[in-house]
Amino acid sequence: MALEITNSNYKEVLAEGKPVVIDFWAPWCGPCKMVGPIIDELASEYEGRVIIGKCDVDDNDDIAAEFGIRNIPTVMFFKNGQLVDKQVGSAPKSLYVDKINNLL
């Protein structure tokens, strides 16, 4: 299961030193429902190596605003606490796997 990323914990998560992947989504978003299960699978597959989380933009508008989230789903990829890549819109699992492997 993906970690819940919130306004109050995201800075600590980014500071942990591991690569981080955050899926910005909302419950009412159709494409988000396609990406969500992929993110959960990846969280299991990369457990211990990569922190993979989900951020509900409706409940956490501060972090969404800080990262300039305008469209969802948006999946952001961080290395050493810095944004290095992102995917806006749904994509196949293989694309996310490639982007995560680039973080390692």
Protein backbone atom coordinates (compact mmCIF):
# COMPACT_ATOMS: atom_id res chain seq x y z
CA MET A 1 0.00 0.00 0.00
CA ALA A 2 1.21 3.47 -0.82
CA LEU A 3 2.04 5.86 2.00
CA GLU A 4 -0.44 8.69 2.59
CA ILE A 5 1.33 11.96 1.86
CA THR A 6 -0.13 15.02 3.60
CA ASN A 7 0.57 18.71 4.14
CA SER A 8 2.08 17.79 7.51
CA ASN A 9 4.38 14.88 6.55
CA TYR A 10 5.68 15.49 3.01
CA LYS A 11 8.79 17.47 4.02
CA GLU A 12 9.88 14.68 6.37
CA VAL A 13 9.23 12.06 3.67
CA LEU A 14 11.33 13.97 1.13
CA ALA A 15 14.12 14.37 3.70
CA GLU A 16 14.44 10.62 4.41
CA GLY A 17 17.11 10.19 1.75
CA LYS A 18 15.37 7.54 -0.32
CA PRO A 19 13.91 8.17 -3.75
CA VAL A 20 10.28 9.32 -3.43
CA VAL A 21 7.34 8.98 -5.82
CA ILE A 22 4.15 10.92 -5.07
CA ASP A 23 0.86 10.38 -6.91
CA PHE A 24 -1.31 13.51 -6.69
CA TRP A 25 -4.93 12.42 -7.11
CA ALA A 26 -8.55 12.98 -6.04
CA PRO A 27 -11.40 10.53 -5.41
CA TRP A 28 -13.60 12.09 -8.12
CA CYS A 29 -10.91 11.84 -10.84
CA GLY A 30 -11.54 9.07 -13.39
CA PRO A 31 -7.95 8.73 -14.70
CA CYS A 32 -6.72 8.73 -11.08
CA LYS A 33 -8.72 5.54 -10.53
CA MET A 34 -6.69 3.88 -13.29
CA VAL A 35 -3.33 5.05 -11.89
CA GLY A 36 -4.11 4.32 -8.22
CA PRO A 37 -3.84 0.51 -8.39
CA ILE A 38 -0.57 0.80 -10.35
CA ILE A 39 0.88 3.05 -7.64
CA ASP A 40 -0.18 0.54 -4.94
CA GLU A 41 1.49 -2.31 -6.87
CA LEU A 42 4.68 -0.29 -7.26
CA ALA A 43 4.67 0.53 -3.53
CA SER A 44 4.76 -3.21 -2.79
CA GLU A 45 7.31 -4.01 -5.49
CA TYR A 46 9.77 -1.27 -4.44
CA GLU A 47 9.17 -1.48 -0.68
CA GLY A 48 12.32 -0.67 1.25
CA ARG A 49 14.04 0.91 -1.77
CA VAL A 50 11.67 3.72 -2.80
CA ILE A 51 9.02 5.61 -0.83
CA ILE A 52 5.86 5.61 -2.90
CA GLY A 53 2.93 7.67 -1.69
CA LYS A 54 -0.38 9.18 -2.67
CA CYS A 55 -1.56 12.71 -1.95
CA ASP A 56 -5.27 13.58 -2.13
CA VAL A 57 -5.20 17.12 -3.54
CA ASP A 58 -8.64 17.93 -2.12
CA ASP A 59 -7.43 17.28 1.45
CA ASN A 60 -3.88 18.62 0.99
CA ASP A 61 -4.09 21.79 -1.08
CA ASP A 62 -0.92 23.31 0.45
CA ILE A 63 1.41 20.68 -1.00
CA ALA A 64 -0.52 20.66 -4.30
CA ALA A 65 -0.09 24.43 -4.56
CA GLU A 66 3.60 24.27 -3.61
CA PHE A 67 4.31 21.82 -6.44
CA GLY A 68 2.04 23.62 -8.92
CA ILE A 69 -0.34 20.71 -9.45
CA ARG A 70 -2.86 21.85 -12.06
CA ASN A 71 -3.90 18.52 -13.56
CA ILE A 72 -4.39 15.15 -11.94
CA PRO A 73 -3.21 12.52 -11.86
CA THR A 74 0.30 13.93 -11.64
CA VAL A 75 3.04 11.60 -10.43
CA MET A 76 6.24 13.31 -9.28
CA PHE A 77 9.62 11.64 -8.86
CA PHE A 78 12.15 12.94 -6.30
CA LYS A 79 15.80 12.08 -5.73
CA ASN A 80 17.72 13.54 -2.77
CA GLY A 81 14.61 15.60 -1.95
CA GLN A 82 14.63 17.31 -5.36
CA LEU A 83 12.04 16.94 -8.11
CA VAL A 84 13.72 15.20 -11.06
CA ASP A 85 10.79 14.01 -13.21
CA LYS A 86 7.01 13.96 -13.45
CA GLN A 87 4.20 12.33 -15.40
CA VAL A 88 0.97 14.24 -15.94
CA GLY A 89 -2.03 12.09 -16.88
CA SER A 90 -2.40 8.34 -16.75
CA ALA A 91 0.31 6.13 -18.22
CA PRO A 92 1.09 2.41 -18.41
CA LYS A 93 2.86 0.75 -15.50
CA SER A 94 6.00 0.26 -17.60
CA LEU A 95 6.50 4.04 -17.84
CA TYR A 96 6.38 4.42 -14.05
CA VAL A 97 8.77 1.47 -13.65
CA ASP A 98 11.27 3.10 -16.02
CA LYS A 99 11.08 6.41 -14.19
CA ILE A 100 11.49 4.73 -10.78
CA ASN A 101 14.45 2.68 -12.01
CA ASN A 102 16.09 5.94 -13.14
CA LEU A 103 15.93 7.10 -9.50
CA LEU A 104 17.85 4.06 -8.24
